[in-house]
Amino acid sequence: MEAARRGLEEECRLEGKQVLFDELKGGLAGDQDHPVYAELGARLGMTEGAVKVAVHRLRRRYGELLREQIAQTVAHGKDLEEEVQDLLAVFSD
């Protein structure tokens, strides 16, 4: 998970979106302890809707990177989804 997060951060840095990543990274895994979207938008100079879209995009890309990392650890592609579900179950408790 950390490798996927670092990869996402690096992508954001290269795209000039480091500040955005820094503000939104707390919500990547659906954490509830991040500020509300309106508050984030005010800090970032974005609308609440734009923040929601940015969070959605970051989460989607994080999921893609996470799957890429997990794919490197399984013997068969068919095991990928099972590993993803197991990992999510561990962190949802």
N, C-alpha and C. Protein backbone atom coordinates (compact mmCIF):
# COMPACT_ATOMS: atom_id res chain seq x y z
N MET A 1 0.84 -1.19 0.00
CA MET A 1 0.00 0.00 0.00
C MET A 1 0.88 1.25 0.00
N GLU A 2 1.95 1.17 0.75
CA GLU A 2 2.85 2.32 0.82
C GLU A 2 3.51 2.58 -0.53
N ALA A 3 3.89 1.53 -1.25
CA ALA A 3 4.50 1.71 -2.57
C ALA A 3 3.51 2.37 -3.53
N ALA A 4 2.26 2.00 -3.46
CA ALA A 4 1.24 2.60 -4.31
C ALA A 4 1.04 4.07 -3.94
N ARG A 5 1.03 4.36 -2.65
CA ARG A 5 0.88 5.75 -2.21
C ARG A 5 2.07 6.60 -2.66
N ARG A 6 3.27 6.05 -2.53
CA ARG A 6 4.46 6.79 -2.98
C ARG A 6 4.43 7.02 -4.49
N GLY A 7 3.97 6.01 -5.23
CA GLY A 7 3.87 6.16 -6.68
C GLY A 7 2.90 7.25 -7.06
N LEU A 8 1.76 7.29 -6.38
CA LEU A 8 0.76 8.32 -6.64
C LEU A 8 1.31 9.70 -6.29
N GLU A 9 2.00 9.78 -5.18
CA GLU A 9 2.58 11.06 -4.78
C GLU A 9 3.59 11.54 -5.82
N GLU A 10 4.39 10.63 -6.32
CA GLU A 10 5.39 10.99 -7.33
C GLU A 10 4.70 11.47 -8.60
N GLU A 11 3.64 10.80 -9.03
CA GLU A 11 2.89 11.24 -10.21
C GLU A 11 2.34 12.65 -10.00
N CYS A 12 1.78 12.89 -8.83
CA CYS A 12 1.23 14.21 -8.54
C CYS A 12 2.33 15.27 -8.53
N ARG A 13 3.46 14.94 -7.95
CA ARG A 13 4.58 15.88 -7.91
C ARG A 13 5.02 16.25 -9.33
N LEU A 14 5.16 15.23 -10.18
CA LEU A 14 5.59 15.47 -11.56
C LEU A 14 4.58 16.28 -12.36
N GLU A 15 3.31 16.19 -11.99
CA GLU A 15 2.24 16.94 -12.66
C GLU A 15 2.02 18.31 -12.02
N GLY A 16 2.85 18.67 -11.03
CA GLY A 16 2.69 19.96 -10.36
C GLY A 16 1.51 20.01 -9.41
N LYS A 17 1.11 18.84 -8.90
CA LYS A 17 -0.05 18.76 -8.01
C LYS A 17 0.31 18.25 -6.61
N GLN A 18 1.52 18.56 -6.17
CA GLN A 18 1.97 18.09 -4.87
C GLN A 18 1.10 18.64 -3.74
N VAL A 19 0.76 19.92 -3.82
CA VAL A 19 -0.06 20.54 -2.76
C VAL A 19 -1.43 19.84 -2.71
N LEU A 20 -2.00 19.59 -3.86
CA LEU A 20 -3.29 18.90 -3.92
C LEU A 20 -3.17 17.52 -3.27
N PHE A 21 -2.13 16.77 -3.63
CA PHE A 21 -1.92 15.45 -3.04
C PHE A 21 -1.78 15.56 -1.52
N ASP A 22 -0.97 16.49 -1.06
CA ASP A 22 -0.74 16.65 0.38
C ASP A 22 -2.05 16.91 1.13
N GLU A 23 -2.92 17.69 0.54
CA GLU A 23 -4.20 18.01 1.18
C GLU A 23 -5.19 16.85 1.14
N LEU A 24 -5.12 16.05 0.08
CA LEU A 24 -6.14 15.02 -0.13
C LEU A 24 -5.70 13.61 0.25
N LYS A 25 -4.43 13.41 0.55
CA LYS A 25 -3.93 12.06 0.79
C LYS A 25 -4.61 11.37 1.97
N GLY A 26 -5.11 12.12 2.93
CA GLY A 26 -5.81 11.53 4.06
C GLY A 26 -7.08 10.82 3.66
N GLY A 27 -7.65 11.19 2.53
CA GLY A 27 -8.89 10.57 2.08
C GLY A 27 -8.70 9.49 1.03
N LEU A 28 -7.47 9.12 0.76
CA LEU A 28 -7.22 8.12 -0.29
C LEU A 28 -7.90 6.79 -0.03
N ALA A 29 -7.81 6.33 1.18
CA ALA A 29 -8.36 5.01 1.50
C ALA A 29 -9.74 5.14 2.12
N GLY A 30 -10.37 6.28 1.94
CA GLY A 30 -11.71 6.47 2.49
C GLY A 30 -11.69 6.83 3.96
N ASP A 31 -10.54 7.32 4.45
CA ASP A 31 -10.45 7.70 5.86
C ASP A 31 -11.49 8.74 6.20
N GLN A 32 -12.04 8.66 7.37
CA GLN A 32 -13.07 9.59 7.80
C GLN A 32 -12.49 10.80 8.53
N ASP A 33 -11.21 10.78 8.84
CA ASP A 33 -10.61 11.86 9.63
C ASP A 33 -10.00 12.95 8.76
N HIS A 34 -10.54 13.21 7.60
CA HIS A 34 -10.04 14.30 6.78
C HIS A 34 -11.06 15.43 6.79
N PRO A 35 -10.61 16.66 6.51
CA PRO A 35 -11.54 17.79 6.52
C PRO A 35 -12.64 17.64 5.47
N VAL A 36 -13.72 18.33 5.67
CA VAL A 36 -14.82 18.28 4.71
C VAL A 36 -14.39 18.93 3.41
N TYR A 37 -15.05 18.54 2.32
CA TYR A 37 -14.66 19.00 1.00
C TYR A 37 -14.70 20.52 0.87
N ALA A 38 -15.69 21.15 1.46
CA ALA A 38 -15.80 22.60 1.36
C ALA A 38 -14.59 23.27 2.00
N GLU A 39 -14.16 22.75 3.15
CA GLU A 39 -13.00 23.31 3.84
C GLU A 39 -11.73 23.11 3.01
N LEU A 40 -11.58 21.92 2.44
CA LEU A 40 -10.43 21.67 1.57
C LEU A 40 -10.46 22.59 0.36
N GLY A 41 -11.64 22.76 -0.22
CA GLY A 41 -11.77 23.64 -1.37
C GLY A 41 -11.35 25.06 -1.06
N ALA A 42 -11.75 25.55 0.10
CA ALA A 42 -11.38 26.91 0.50
C ALA A 42 -9.86 27.05 0.62
N ARG A 43 -9.23 26.03 1.19
CA ARG A 43 -7.77 26.08 1.33
C ARG A 43 -7.05 25.98 -0.01
N LEU A 44 -7.65 25.23 -0.94
CA LEU A 44 -7.00 24.99 -2.22
C LEU A 44 -7.45 25.94 -3.33
N GLY A 45 -8.43 26.79 -3.02
CA GLY A 45 -8.95 27.68 -4.05
C GLY A 45 -9.78 26.94 -5.09
N MET A 46 -10.46 25.89 -4.64
CA MET A 46 -11.28 25.07 -5.52
C MET A 46 -12.70 25.03 -5.00
N THR A 47 -13.64 24.70 -5.87
CA THR A 47 -15.01 24.51 -5.41
C THR A 47 -15.11 23.16 -4.70
N GLU A 48 -16.16 23.00 -3.93
CA GLU A 48 -16.40 21.73 -3.25
C GLU A 48 -16.53 20.60 -4.28
N GLY A 49 -17.23 20.87 -5.36
CA GLY A 49 -17.38 19.87 -6.41
C GLY A 49 -16.06 19.47 -7.04
N ALA A 50 -15.19 20.45 -7.27
CA ALA A 50 -13.88 20.16 -7.85
C ALA A 50 -13.04 19.30 -6.91
N VAL A 51 -13.18 19.54 -5.61
CA VAL A 51 -12.45 18.73 -4.63
C VAL A 51 -12.97 17.29 -4.67
N LYS A 52 -14.27 17.13 -4.75
CA LYS A 52 -14.84 15.78 -4.81
C LYS A 52 -14.32 15.03 -6.03
N VAL A 53 -14.26 15.72 -7.16
CA VAL A 53 -13.76 15.09 -8.38
C VAL A 53 -12.28 14.73 -8.21
N ALA A 54 -11.50 15.63 -7.64
CA ALA A 54 -10.07 15.37 -7.43
C ALA A 54 -9.87 14.17 -6.50
N VAL A 55 -10.64 14.09 -5.43
CA VAL A 55 -10.54 12.96 -4.51
C VAL A 55 -10.90 11.67 -5.24
N HIS A 56 -11.98 11.70 -6.02
CA HIS A 56 -12.40 10.53 -6.77
C HIS A 56 -11.30 10.07 -7.71
N ARG A 57 -10.68 10.99 -8.43
CA ARG A 57 -9.61 10.64 -9.37
C ARG A 57 -8.39 10.09 -8.65
N LEU A 58 -8.02 10.71 -7.54
CA LEU A 58 -6.87 10.22 -6.77
C LEU A 58 -7.14 8.81 -6.24
N ARG A 59 -8.33 8.59 -5.72
CA ARG A 59 -8.67 7.26 -5.21
C ARG A 59 -8.65 6.21 -6.32
N ARG A 60 -9.18 6.58 -7.48
CA ARG A 60 -9.19 5.64 -8.60
C ARG A 60 -7.75 5.29 -9.03
N ARG A 61 -6.91 6.31 -9.13
CA ARG A 61 -5.52 6.05 -9.54
C ARG A 61 -4.78 5.27 -8.46
N TYR A 62 -5.04 5.58 -7.20
CA TYR A 62 -4.44 4.83 -6.10
C TYR A 62 -4.83 3.36 -6.19
N GLY A 63 -6.08 3.09 -6.48
CA GLY A 63 -6.54 1.71 -6.65
C GLY A 63 -5.83 1.01 -7.78
N GLU A 64 -5.63 1.72 -8.89
CA GLU A 64 -4.91 1.13 -10.03
C GLU A 64 -3.47 0.79 -9.64
N LEU A 65 -2.81 1.72 -8.96
CA LEU A 65 -1.43 1.49 -8.54
C LEU A 65 -1.35 0.37 -7.52
N LEU A 66 -2.33 0.30 -6.63
CA LEU A 66 -2.36 -0.76 -5.63
C LEU A 66 -2.52 -2.12 -6.30
N ARG A 67 -3.39 -2.20 -7.28
CA ARG A 67 -3.57 -3.46 -8.02
C ARG A 67 -2.29 -3.86 -8.75
N GLU A 68 -1.58 -2.87 -9.31
CA GLU A 68 -0.31 -3.16 -9.97
C GLU A 68 0.70 -3.75 -8.98
N GLN A 69 0.74 -3.20 -7.79
CA GLN A 69 1.65 -3.71 -6.77
C GLN A 69 1.28 -5.13 -6.37
N ILE A 70 0.01 -5.37 -6.15
CA ILE A 70 -0.45 -6.70 -5.74
C ILE A 70 -0.23 -7.70 -6.86
N ALA A 71 -0.42 -7.29 -8.11
CA ALA A 71 -0.22 -8.19 -9.25
C ALA A 71 1.20 -8.74 -9.29
N GLN A 72 2.15 -7.99 -8.75
CA GLN A 72 3.53 -8.44 -8.72
C GLN A 72 3.77 -9.53 -7.67
N THR A 73 2.79 -9.73 -6.79
CA THR A 73 2.99 -10.69 -5.70
C THR A 73 2.20 -11.98 -5.86
N VAL A 74 1.33 -12.05 -6.86
CA VAL A 74 0.51 -13.25 -7.03
C VAL A 74 1.02 -14.06 -8.23
N ALA A 75 0.85 -15.37 -8.14
CA ALA A 75 1.33 -16.26 -9.19
C ALA A 75 0.43 -16.21 -10.42
N HIS A 76 -0.86 -16.06 -10.21
CA HIS A 76 -1.82 -16.08 -11.31
C HIS A 76 -2.69 -14.83 -11.26
N GLY A 77 -3.00 -14.29 -12.43
CA GLY A 77 -3.85 -13.11 -12.50
C GLY A 77 -5.19 -13.30 -11.85
N LYS A 78 -5.71 -14.52 -11.86
CA LYS A 78 -7.02 -14.77 -11.26
C LYS A 78 -7.00 -14.60 -9.75
N ASP A 79 -5.81 -14.64 -9.14
CA ASP A 79 -5.68 -14.46 -7.70
C ASP A 79 -5.67 -12.99 -7.28
N LEU A 80 -5.52 -12.11 -8.25
CA LEU A 80 -5.39 -10.68 -7.96
C LEU A 80 -6.59 -10.14 -7.19
N GLU A 81 -7.78 -10.37 -7.70
CA GLU A 81 -8.97 -9.81 -7.06
C GLU A 81 -9.16 -10.35 -5.65
N GLU A 82 -8.86 -11.62 -5.45
CA GLU A 82 -8.96 -12.21 -4.11
C GLU A 82 -7.98 -11.54 -3.15
N GLU A 83 -6.77 -11.29 -3.61
CA GLU A 83 -5.77 -10.62 -2.77
C GLU A 83 -6.20 -9.19 -2.44
N VAL A 84 -6.75 -8.50 -3.43
CA VAL A 84 -7.22 -7.13 -3.20
C VAL A 84 -8.32 -7.14 -2.13
N GLN A 85 -9.27 -8.06 -2.26
CA GLN A 85 -10.36 -8.13 -1.29
C GLN A 85 -9.86 -8.48 0.11
N ASP A 86 -8.89 -9.39 0.19
CA ASP A 86 -8.31 -9.74 1.49
C ASP A 86 -7.62 -8.54 2.13
N LEU A 87 -6.88 -7.80 1.33
CA LEU A 87 -6.18 -6.62 1.84
C LEU A 87 -7.17 -5.56 2.33
N LEU A 88 -8.21 -5.33 1.54
CA LEU A 88 -9.20 -4.34 1.95
C LEU A 88 -9.93 -4.77 3.21
N ALA A 89 -10.17 -6.07 3.35
CA ALA A 89 -10.84 -6.56 4.55
C ALA A 89 -10.00 -6.33 5.79
N VAL A 90 -8.70 -6.50 5.68
CA VAL A 90 -7.80 -6.29 6.80
C VAL A 90 -7.85 -4.83 7.26
N PHE A 91 -7.86 -3.91 6.31
CA PHE A 91 -7.82 -2.51 6.67
C PHE A 91 -9.17 -1.88 6.93
N SER A 92 -10.24 -2.60 6.68
CA SER A 92 -11.56 -2.05 6.95
C SER A 92 -12.03 -2.35 8.37
N ASP A 93 -11.33 -3.24 9.05
CA ASP A 93 -11.72 -3.59 10.43
C ASP A 93 -11.24 -2.56 11.44
